[in-house]
Amino acid sequence: MAAQNQKIITKNTMQELSKVQSSFADETKKEALEIFKAMPIPKEREEDWRYTEIEKLKLESFEPFESKTGIIATKLSDDLIEKGIILTDINKAFEKYPEIAQKYFFKNVKTDKDKFVALNAAHFSNGVFLYVPKNIELDEPIRVNFHFGEKNSIVHNIIIVESNSKIDFIEEYSNNEISHEQLNCCVTEVYANQNSKLNFYHINNWTKNVYNFTNIVGAIERDAAINWVSGCFGGKLNRIKIDTLFNGQGSQANNLGIFLGRGKEHIDFTTNMHHNTPNTTNEVLVDGILKDESSSVYRGLIRIPKEGQKTYSYLENHILKLGDKTLANSIPSLKIDANDVKASHGATVGQIDEEHLFYLMSRGLSREEAERLIVEGFFEPIIQKIPMEELREKIREMVRG
């Protein structure tokens, strides 16, 4: 089913659809606020925060946690609305579709495990709600663009794809150039129900004063699949964490990630794969490049409990350092309690090859031009794996930056 006559509409934070949040949301916020206040700032010695130091981050300096987010979203055709597809803001969903929204809201996300998840639950003011009923196949992607002005943004999104449906979903995050520090805290919950397929694209491109904390959790049911594609660029601290829950036999996931650090940026990229049932399949490939004085940490976990027999899971991470002042950390790990599985990982961290640079410069290129060619060549194999051509070219442009 195609999204015919697809248009892009601008909603001023989409709150004109819903002026007042539901009592359900209000109660959730009250409970989460107490949890948020009681939790300390994470310490670098904690496993989930190793090599990312935020103990000096003063969250109170961002209060009040106002959210001024411009959201540009696909306008559904009348035909798709008649088929039961819902695309609205999260507050409207609580009011108009409470049975669906309340069923999935924070179903797989724990507020007492992460201070920034608790912050999101306590202070979110908007976000996107997408519901795709059974047996729908979209030929055109659903697009949502989040653009932040000068205020902080606390966004909560819910994406639900029912059985036998297939969609592409694209979310992009950006902000204005600002002189002061800004906070973005986003939680996105994704649900791929039985035999559904979702291609989920996440791209963020922040200016240098942004602290970004993004948590994405995807639950995959029997014979369903999620293909994750993530591109992370910019930000003073740019943290993205993707948890994939394999909850049904035959569930599958592919996870492609690209990050590029410049200046003094710090990129924190985590993928956690939880194979909770037998006969699940997963592949992760995350590549990054660091320039100037930037730093990064990649954490990749494959967890297979006793119930996860006959699992195939692999993760791979490569980081290229351009310059002696960059700092890269890669922490792949396996936690396996099942005995009939195939699981492995690989990771490399290396400096740019001076001989390659010399060769290119001997052909008349400047050092900057030679480095640009090497960067583009390093990323091209993973870019070629991205299914959508327009996003391949967009990421190429951001890499050239």
Protein backbone atom coordinates (compact mmCIF):
# COMPACT_ATOMS: atom_id res chain seq x y z
CA MET A 1 0.00 0.00 0.00
CA ALA A 2 1.61 3.25 -1.10
CA ALA A 3 1.51 6.54 0.75
CA GLN A 4 -0.16 8.32 -2.16
CA ASN A 5 0.24 12.07 -2.64
CA GLN A 6 2.59 12.11 0.29
CA LYS A 7 3.18 15.59 1.65
CA ILE A 8 5.25 17.07 4.41
CA ILE A 9 3.45 19.20 6.95
CA THR A 10 4.93 21.39 9.66
CA LYS A 11 3.44 21.26 13.12
CA ASN A 12 4.63 23.81 15.62
CA THR A 13 5.84 21.21 18.14
CA MET A 14 2.65 19.27 17.16
CA GLN A 15 1.11 20.49 20.40
CA GLU A 16 -1.67 22.31 18.56
CA LEU A 17 -3.11 18.81 18.22
CA SER A 18 -3.14 18.39 21.97
CA LYS A 19 -3.01 21.23 24.44
CA VAL A 20 -3.31 19.20 27.61
CA GLN A 21 -1.56 15.98 28.47
CA SER A 22 -3.62 13.06 29.72
CA SER A 23 -3.98 12.16 33.36
CA PHE A 24 -2.18 8.90 32.54
CA ALA A 25 0.85 10.85 31.34
CA ASP A 26 0.68 13.14 34.37
CA GLU A 27 0.73 10.20 36.77
CA THR A 28 3.61 8.59 34.91
CA LYS A 29 5.56 11.83 35.15
CA LYS A 30 5.02 12.14 38.89
CA GLU A 31 6.33 8.63 39.53
CA ALA A 32 9.29 9.08 37.20
CA LEU A 33 10.20 12.44 38.73
CA GLU A 34 10.76 10.85 42.12
CA ILE A 35 12.97 8.19 40.54
CA PHE A 36 14.91 10.81 38.57
CA LYS A 37 15.56 12.96 41.63
CA ALA A 38 16.77 9.97 43.66
CA MET A 39 19.21 8.66 41.05
CA PRO A 40 22.77 10.03 41.00
CA ILE A 41 24.59 11.11 37.86
CA PRO A 42 26.22 8.00 36.34
CA LYS A 43 29.90 7.48 37.09
CA GLU A 44 32.53 6.57 34.54
CA ARG A 45 33.42 3.40 36.43
CA GLU A 46 29.94 2.01 35.76
CA GLU A 47 29.93 -0.53 32.93
CA ASP A 48 27.34 1.32 30.83
CA TRP A 49 29.30 4.58 31.10
CA ARG A 50 32.89 3.46 30.87
CA TYR A 51 35.03 6.01 28.98
CA THR A 52 32.24 8.61 29.11
CA GLU A 53 32.70 11.05 31.96
CA ILE A 54 29.61 13.11 32.84
CA GLU A 55 29.91 13.39 36.61
CA LYS A 56 30.55 17.12 36.22
CA LEU A 57 27.46 17.64 34.09
CA LYS A 58 25.07 19.90 36.03
CA LEU A 59 21.62 18.83 34.93
CA GLU A 60 20.06 21.50 37.11
CA SER A 61 21.64 24.12 34.84
CA PHE A 62 19.24 23.02 32.08
CA GLU A 63 16.12 23.51 34.20
CA PRO A 64 13.33 24.12 33.52
CA PHE A 65 13.39 21.27 31.01
CA GLU A 66 11.37 23.15 28.42
CA SER A 67 10.91 21.43 25.09
CA LYS A 68 10.78 23.57 21.96
CA THR A 69 10.84 21.06 19.15
CA GLY A 70 9.72 21.76 15.62
CA ILE A 71 8.44 18.53 14.09
CA ILE A 72 8.01 17.98 10.38
CA ALA A 73 6.11 14.77 9.68
CA THR A 74 4.72 12.90 6.73
CA LYS A 75 1.09 13.72 6.04
CA LEU A 76 -0.77 10.48 5.52
CA SER A 77 -3.08 10.14 2.54
CA ASP A 78 -6.79 9.65 3.18
CA ASP A 79 -6.42 6.10 1.92
CA LEU A 80 -3.82 5.25 4.57
CA ILE A 81 -5.87 6.89 7.32
CA GLU A 82 -8.85 4.77 6.27
CA LYS A 83 -6.60 1.69 6.55
CA GLY A 84 -6.07 2.56 10.21
CA ILE A 85 -2.55 4.03 10.19
CA ILE A 86 -2.09 6.61 12.94
CA LEU A 87 0.61 9.27 12.91
CA THR A 88 0.20 11.93 15.57
CA ASP A 89 1.93 13.42 18.58
CA ILE A 90 2.31 11.37 21.76
CA ASN A 91 -0.02 13.54 23.81
CA LYS A 92 -2.83 13.24 21.28
CA ALA A 93 -2.30 9.48 21.27
CA PHE A 94 -2.87 9.26 25.03
CA GLU A 95 -6.13 11.18 24.65
CA LYS A 96 -7.54 9.69 21.47
CA TYR A 97 -6.01 6.18 21.41
CA PRO A 98 -5.43 5.39 25.10
CA GLU A 99 -5.78 1.61 24.83
CA ILE A 100 -2.92 1.37 22.32
CA ALA A 101 -0.71 4.13 23.68
CA GLN A 102 -0.91 3.07 27.33
CA LYS A 103 -0.33 -0.58 26.43
CA TYR A 104 3.04 0.16 24.83
CA PHE A 105 4.24 3.22 26.77
CA PHE A 106 7.40 2.27 28.70
CA LYS A 107 6.60 -1.42 28.21
CA ASN A 108 10.25 -2.40 27.66
CA VAL A 109 12.07 0.66 29.04
CA LYS A 110 12.98 0.79 32.73
CA THR A 111 13.06 4.21 34.35
CA ASP A 112 15.02 2.95 37.36
CA LYS A 113 17.99 1.74 35.29
CA ASP A 114 19.09 4.96 33.59
CA LYS A 115 18.89 8.51 34.92
CA PHE A 116 18.30 9.95 31.46
CA VAL A 117 15.45 7.54 30.77
CA ALA A 118 13.94 8.69 34.07
CA LEU A 119 14.49 12.30 33.00
CA ASN A 120 12.64 11.56 29.78
CA ALA A 121 9.71 9.95 31.57
CA ALA A 122 9.49 12.82 34.05
CA HIS A 123 9.71 15.73 31.64
CA PHE A 124 8.78 14.69 28.08
CA SER A 125 6.39 17.15 26.49
CA ASN A 126 6.01 15.83 22.97
CA GLY A 127 7.07 13.18 20.50
CA VAL A 128 5.68 11.03 17.72
CA PHE A 129 3.20 8.15 17.89
CA LEU A 130 3.03 5.84 14.87
CA TYR A 131 0.68 2.85 14.66
CA VAL A 132 0.55 0.58 11.61
CA PRO A 133 -2.20 -2.05 11.74
CA LYS A 134 -1.98 -5.60 10.36
CA ASN A 135 -1.31 -6.45 6.71
CA ILE A 136 -0.15 -3.02 5.54
CA GLU A 137 2.85 -2.57 3.24
CA LEU A 138 3.99 0.98 2.55
CA ASP A 139 5.91 1.77 -0.61
CA GLU A 140 6.99 5.19 0.66
CA PRO A 141 8.75 5.86 3.99
CA ILE A 142 7.25 7.60 7.00
CA ARG A 143 9.46 10.59 7.77
CA VAL A 144 9.80 12.65 10.93
CA ASN A 145 12.24 15.53 11.33
CA PHE A 146 12.91 16.95 14.79
CA HIS A 147 14.50 20.39 14.73
CA PHE A 148 15.37 22.16 17.97
CA GLY A 149 15.69 25.89 18.45
CA GLU A 150 17.52 27.30 21.45
CA LYS A 151 15.67 25.37 24.17
CA ASN A 152 16.16 21.85 25.49
CA SER A 153 14.18 18.97 24.08
CA ILE A 154 12.69 15.99 25.91
CA VAL A 155 11.03 13.74 23.31
CA HIS A 156 9.29 10.36 23.63
CA ASN A 157 8.35 8.35 20.53
CA ILE A 158 6.41 5.10 20.08
CA ILE A 159 6.48 3.10 16.83
CA ILE A 160 4.17 0.06 16.55
CA VAL A 161 4.08 -2.21 13.50
CA GLU A 162 1.45 -4.91 13.71
CA SER A 163 1.62 -8.43 12.24
CA ASN A 164 2.45 -8.92 8.55
CA SER A 165 3.10 -5.22 7.93
CA LYS A 166 6.18 -3.64 6.37
CA ILE A 167 7.35 -0.03 6.61
CA ASP A 168 10.38 2.26 6.40
CA PHE A 169 10.64 4.88 9.16
CA ILE A 170 13.13 7.77 9.01
CA GLU A 171 13.84 10.09 11.95
CA GLU A 172 16.29 12.98 11.76
CA TYR A 173 17.46 15.26 14.58
CA SER A 174 19.15 18.64 14.27
CA ASN A 175 19.35 22.01 16.02
CA ASN A 176 20.23 25.64 15.45
CA GLU A 177 23.75 26.92 15.99
CA ILE A 178 23.78 28.24 19.56
CA SER A 179 26.30 29.81 21.94
CA HIS A 180 24.98 28.13 25.11
CA GLU A 181 24.80 24.46 26.05
CA GLN A 182 21.66 22.53 25.13
CA LEU A 183 20.23 19.20 26.24
CA ASN A 184 18.40 16.63 24.15
CA CYS A 185 16.97 13.55 25.86
CA CYS A 186 15.07 11.16 23.63
CA VAL A 187 13.49 7.75 24.16
CA THR A 188 12.06 5.81 21.22
CA GLU A 189 10.16 2.56 21.73
CA VAL A 190 9.84 0.29 18.69
CA TYR A 191 7.57 -2.76 18.43
CA ALA A 192 7.80 -5.16 15.49
CA ASN A 193 5.00 -7.68 15.93
CA GLN A 194 4.74 -11.12 14.36
CA ASN A 195 6.04 -11.43 10.79
CA SER A 196 6.43 -7.66 10.39
CA LYS A 197 9.41 -5.85 8.91
CA LEU A 198 10.71 -2.40 9.84
CA ASN A 199 13.62 -0.50 8.36
CA PHE A 200 14.41 2.10 11.03
CA TYR A 201 16.71 4.98 10.08
CA HIS A 202 18.08 7.36 12.71
CA ILE A 203 20.29 10.32 11.77
CA ASN A 204 21.40 13.06 14.13
CA ASN A 205 23.51 16.09 13.26
CA TRP A 206 24.18 18.34 16.26
CA THR A 207 26.01 21.60 16.73
CA LYS A 208 29.00 21.69 19.05
CA ASN A 209 27.23 22.67 22.32
CA VAL A 210 24.66 19.86 22.48
CA TYR A 211 24.52 17.08 25.05
CA ASN A 212 22.49 14.31 23.43
CA PHE A 213 21.19 11.21 25.21
CA THR A 214 19.19 8.92 22.92
CA ASN A 215 17.78 5.56 24.02
CA ILE A 216 16.12 3.33 21.42
CA VAL A 217 14.57 0.00 22.38
CA GLY A 218 13.22 -2.41 19.79
CA ALA A 219 11.18 -5.55 20.56
CA ILE A 220 10.99 -8.15 17.78
CA GLU A 221 8.37 -10.87 17.88
CA ARG A 222 8.15 -14.21 16.03
CA ASP A 223 9.47 -14.13 12.42
CA ALA A 224 9.71 -10.32 12.50
CA ALA A 225 12.72 -8.19 11.56
CA ILE A 226 14.17 -4.77 12.32
CA ASN A 227 16.96 -3.28 10.24
CA TRP A 228 18.61 -0.45 12.17
CA VAL A 229 20.62 2.22 10.34
CA SER A 230 22.17 4.99 12.47
CA GLY A 231 24.32 7.99 11.66
CA CYS A 232 25.76 10.11 14.50
CA PHE A 233 27.42 13.45 13.82
CA GLY A 234 28.36 16.37 16.05
CA GLY A 235 27.51 17.34 19.60
CA LYS A 236 29.63 18.05 22.63
CA LEU A 237 28.55 14.62 23.86
CA ASN A 238 26.52 12.47 21.48
CA ARG A 239 25.29 9.26 23.11
CA ILE A 240 23.07 6.73 21.37
CA LYS A 241 22.09 3.38 22.87
CA ILE A 242 20.13 0.79 20.89
CA ASP A 243 18.72 -2.24 22.71
CA THR A 244 17.26 -5.03 20.59
CA LEU A 245 15.04 -7.62 22.27
CA PHE A 246 14.59 -10.85 20.32
CA ASN A 247 11.32 -12.04 21.82
CA GLY A 248 10.11 -14.55 19.24
CA GLN A 249 11.59 -17.47 17.34
CA GLY A 250 12.75 -16.54 13.88
CA SER A 251 13.25 -12.87 14.80
CA GLN A 252 16.06 -11.05 13.01
CA ALA A 253 18.00 -7.79 13.19
CA ASN A 254 20.73 -6.03 11.26
CA ASN A 255 22.39 -3.00 12.81
CA LEU A 256 24.50 -0.59 10.73
CA GLY A 257 26.07 2.41 12.48
CA ILE A 258 28.32 5.27 11.38
CA PHE A 259 29.81 8.01 13.52
CA LEU A 260 32.24 10.84 12.83
CA GLY A 261 33.88 12.92 15.54
CA ARG A 262 35.44 16.33 14.93
CA GLY A 263 36.93 19.03 17.15
CA LYS A 264 36.52 17.99 20.80
CA GLU A 265 33.33 16.00 20.30
CA HIS A 266 32.72 12.78 22.21
CA ILE A 267 30.68 9.98 20.60
CA ASP A 268 29.20 7.25 22.82
CA PHE A 269 27.65 4.44 20.77
CA THR A 270 26.13 1.27 22.30
CA THR A 271 24.34 -1.71 20.77
CA ASN A 272 22.91 -4.39 23.07
CA MET A 273 21.43 -7.54 21.54
CA HIS A 274 19.28 -9.69 23.86
CA HIS A 275 18.50 -13.09 22.32
CA ASN A 276 15.67 -14.14 24.62
CA THR A 277 14.30 -17.03 22.52
CA PRO A 278 15.71 -19.78 20.25
CA ASN A 279 16.45 -19.45 16.53
CA THR A 280 17.22 -15.73 16.28
CA THR A 281 19.67 -13.96 13.96
CA ASN A 282 21.67 -10.78 14.35
CA GLU A 283 24.49 -8.88 12.66
CA VAL A 284 25.99 -5.60 13.88
CA LEU A 285 28.49 -3.40 12.04
CA VAL A 286 29.47 -0.03 13.51
CA ASP A 287 32.28 2.03 11.98
CA GLY A 288 33.64 5.37 13.16
CA ILE A 289 36.26 7.98 12.33
CA LEU A 290 37.80 10.45 14.77
CA LYS A 291 39.49 13.70 13.75
CA ASP A 292 41.20 16.59 15.59
CA GLU A 293 40.84 16.01 19.37
CA SER A 294 37.61 14.00 19.31
CA SER A 295 37.01 10.81 21.28
CA SER A 296 34.65 7.86 21.22
CA VAL A 297 33.55 4.67 22.90
CA TYR A 298 31.70 1.83 21.26
CA ARG A 299 30.08 -0.85 23.43
CA GLY A 300 28.61 -3.91 21.81
CA LEU A 301 26.91 -6.66 23.80
CA ILE A 302 25.57 -9.99 22.62
CA ARG A 303 23.60 -11.66 25.40
CA ILE A 304 22.29 -15.21 24.94
CA PRO A 305 20.62 -16.86 27.97
CA LYS A 306 19.92 -20.60 28.19
CA GLU A 307 16.65 -20.07 26.34
CA GLY A 308 18.44 -18.67 23.29
CA GLN A 309 19.62 -21.91 21.65
CA LYS A 310 20.41 -22.03 17.91
CA THR A 311 21.16 -18.33 17.82
CA TYR A 312 23.47 -16.73 15.26
CA SER A 313 24.85 -13.36 16.37
CA TYR A 314 27.86 -11.34 15.22
CA LEU A 315 29.12 -7.85 15.87
CA GLU A 316 31.94 -5.92 14.27
CA ASN A 317 33.40 -2.49 15.02
CA HIS A 318 36.16 -0.53 13.26
CA ILE A 319 37.46 2.90 14.25
CA LEU A 320 39.95 4.99 12.27
CA LYS A 321 41.91 7.72 14.06
CA LEU A 322 43.14 10.76 12.16
CA GLY A 323 45.68 12.42 14.41
CA ASP A 324 47.55 11.67 17.61
CA LYS A 325 45.15 13.64 19.81
CA THR A 326 42.14 11.43 19.13
CA LEU A 327 41.05 8.73 21.59
CA ALA A 328 39.05 5.65 20.65
CA ASN A 329 37.72 2.80 22.79
CA SER A 330 35.97 -0.35 21.60
CA ILE A 331 34.36 -2.79 24.04
CA PRO A 332 32.70 -5.77 22.34
CA SER A 333 31.44 -8.45 24.72
CA LEU A 334 29.64 -11.79 24.76
CA LYS A 335 27.51 -13.13 27.60
CA ILE A 336 26.44 -16.62 26.59
CA ASP A 337 24.73 -19.27 28.71
CA ALA A 338 23.47 -21.42 25.81
CA ASN A 339 25.60 -24.18 24.30
CA ASP A 340 24.18 -24.48 20.77
CA VAL A 341 24.88 -21.05 19.28
CA LYS A 342 27.19 -19.25 16.88
CA ALA A 343 28.30 -15.94 18.35
CA SER A 344 31.45 -13.89 17.82
CA HIS A 345 32.78 -10.36 17.58
CA GLY A 346 35.62 -8.41 16.04
CA ALA A 347 37.02 -4.94 16.64
CA THR A 348 39.87 -2.81 15.31
CA VAL A 349 41.18 0.63 16.23
CA GLY A 350 43.92 2.06 14.03
CA GLN A 351 45.68 5.20 12.88
CA ILE A 352 45.51 6.49 9.33
CA ASP A 353 48.26 4.98 7.17
CA GLU A 354 50.87 7.66 6.47
CA GLU A 355 52.04 5.73 3.39
CA HIS A 356 48.56 6.01 1.92
CA LEU A 357 48.58 9.73 2.62
CA PHE A 358 52.03 10.13 1.08
CA TYR A 359 50.95 8.26 -2.05
CA LEU A 360 47.89 10.46 -2.54
CA MET A 361 49.82 13.66 -1.82
CA SER A 362 52.49 12.61 -4.31
CA ARG A 363 49.71 12.65 -6.92
CA GLY A 364 49.09 16.33 -6.28
CA LEU A 365 46.50 16.25 -3.49
CA SER A 366 46.83 18.34 -0.35
CA ARG A 367 46.91 16.51 2.97
CA GLU A 368 43.34 17.63 3.67
CA GLU A 369 42.14 16.33 0.30
CA ALA A 370 43.98 13.04 0.83
CA GLU A 371 42.43 12.56 4.27
CA ARG A 372 39.00 13.30 2.84
CA LEU A 373 39.43 10.56 0.24
CA ILE A 374 40.55 8.08 2.87
CA VAL A 375 37.59 8.95 5.11
CA GLU A 376 35.13 8.52 2.27
CA GLY A 377 36.75 5.23 1.25
CA PHE A 378 36.65 3.94 4.83
CA PHE A 379 32.91 4.56 5.17
CA GLU A 380 31.84 3.56 1.66
CA PRO A 381 31.56 -0.23 2.27
CA ILE A 382 29.09 0.29 5.13
CA ILE A 383 27.25 3.07 3.27
CA GLN A 384 26.72 0.67 0.38
CA LYS A 385 24.85 -1.65 2.75
CA ILE A 386 22.20 1.01 3.50
CA PRO A 387 19.05 0.00 1.58
CA MET A 388 17.84 3.50 0.69
CA GLU A 389 19.78 5.48 -1.93
CA GLU A 390 18.71 8.94 -0.75
CA LEU A 391 20.03 8.18 2.74
CA ARG A 392 23.26 6.79 1.33
CA GLU A 393 23.85 10.11 -0.40
CA LYS A 394 22.77 12.15 2.65
CA ILE A 395 25.28 10.34 4.86
CA ARG A 396 27.99 10.78 2.23
CA GLU A 397 27.34 14.54 2.31
CA MET A 398 27.51 14.59 6.12
CA VAL A 399 30.79 12.66 6.05
CA ARG A 400 32.24 15.16 3.58
CA GLY A 401 30.91 17.88 5.93
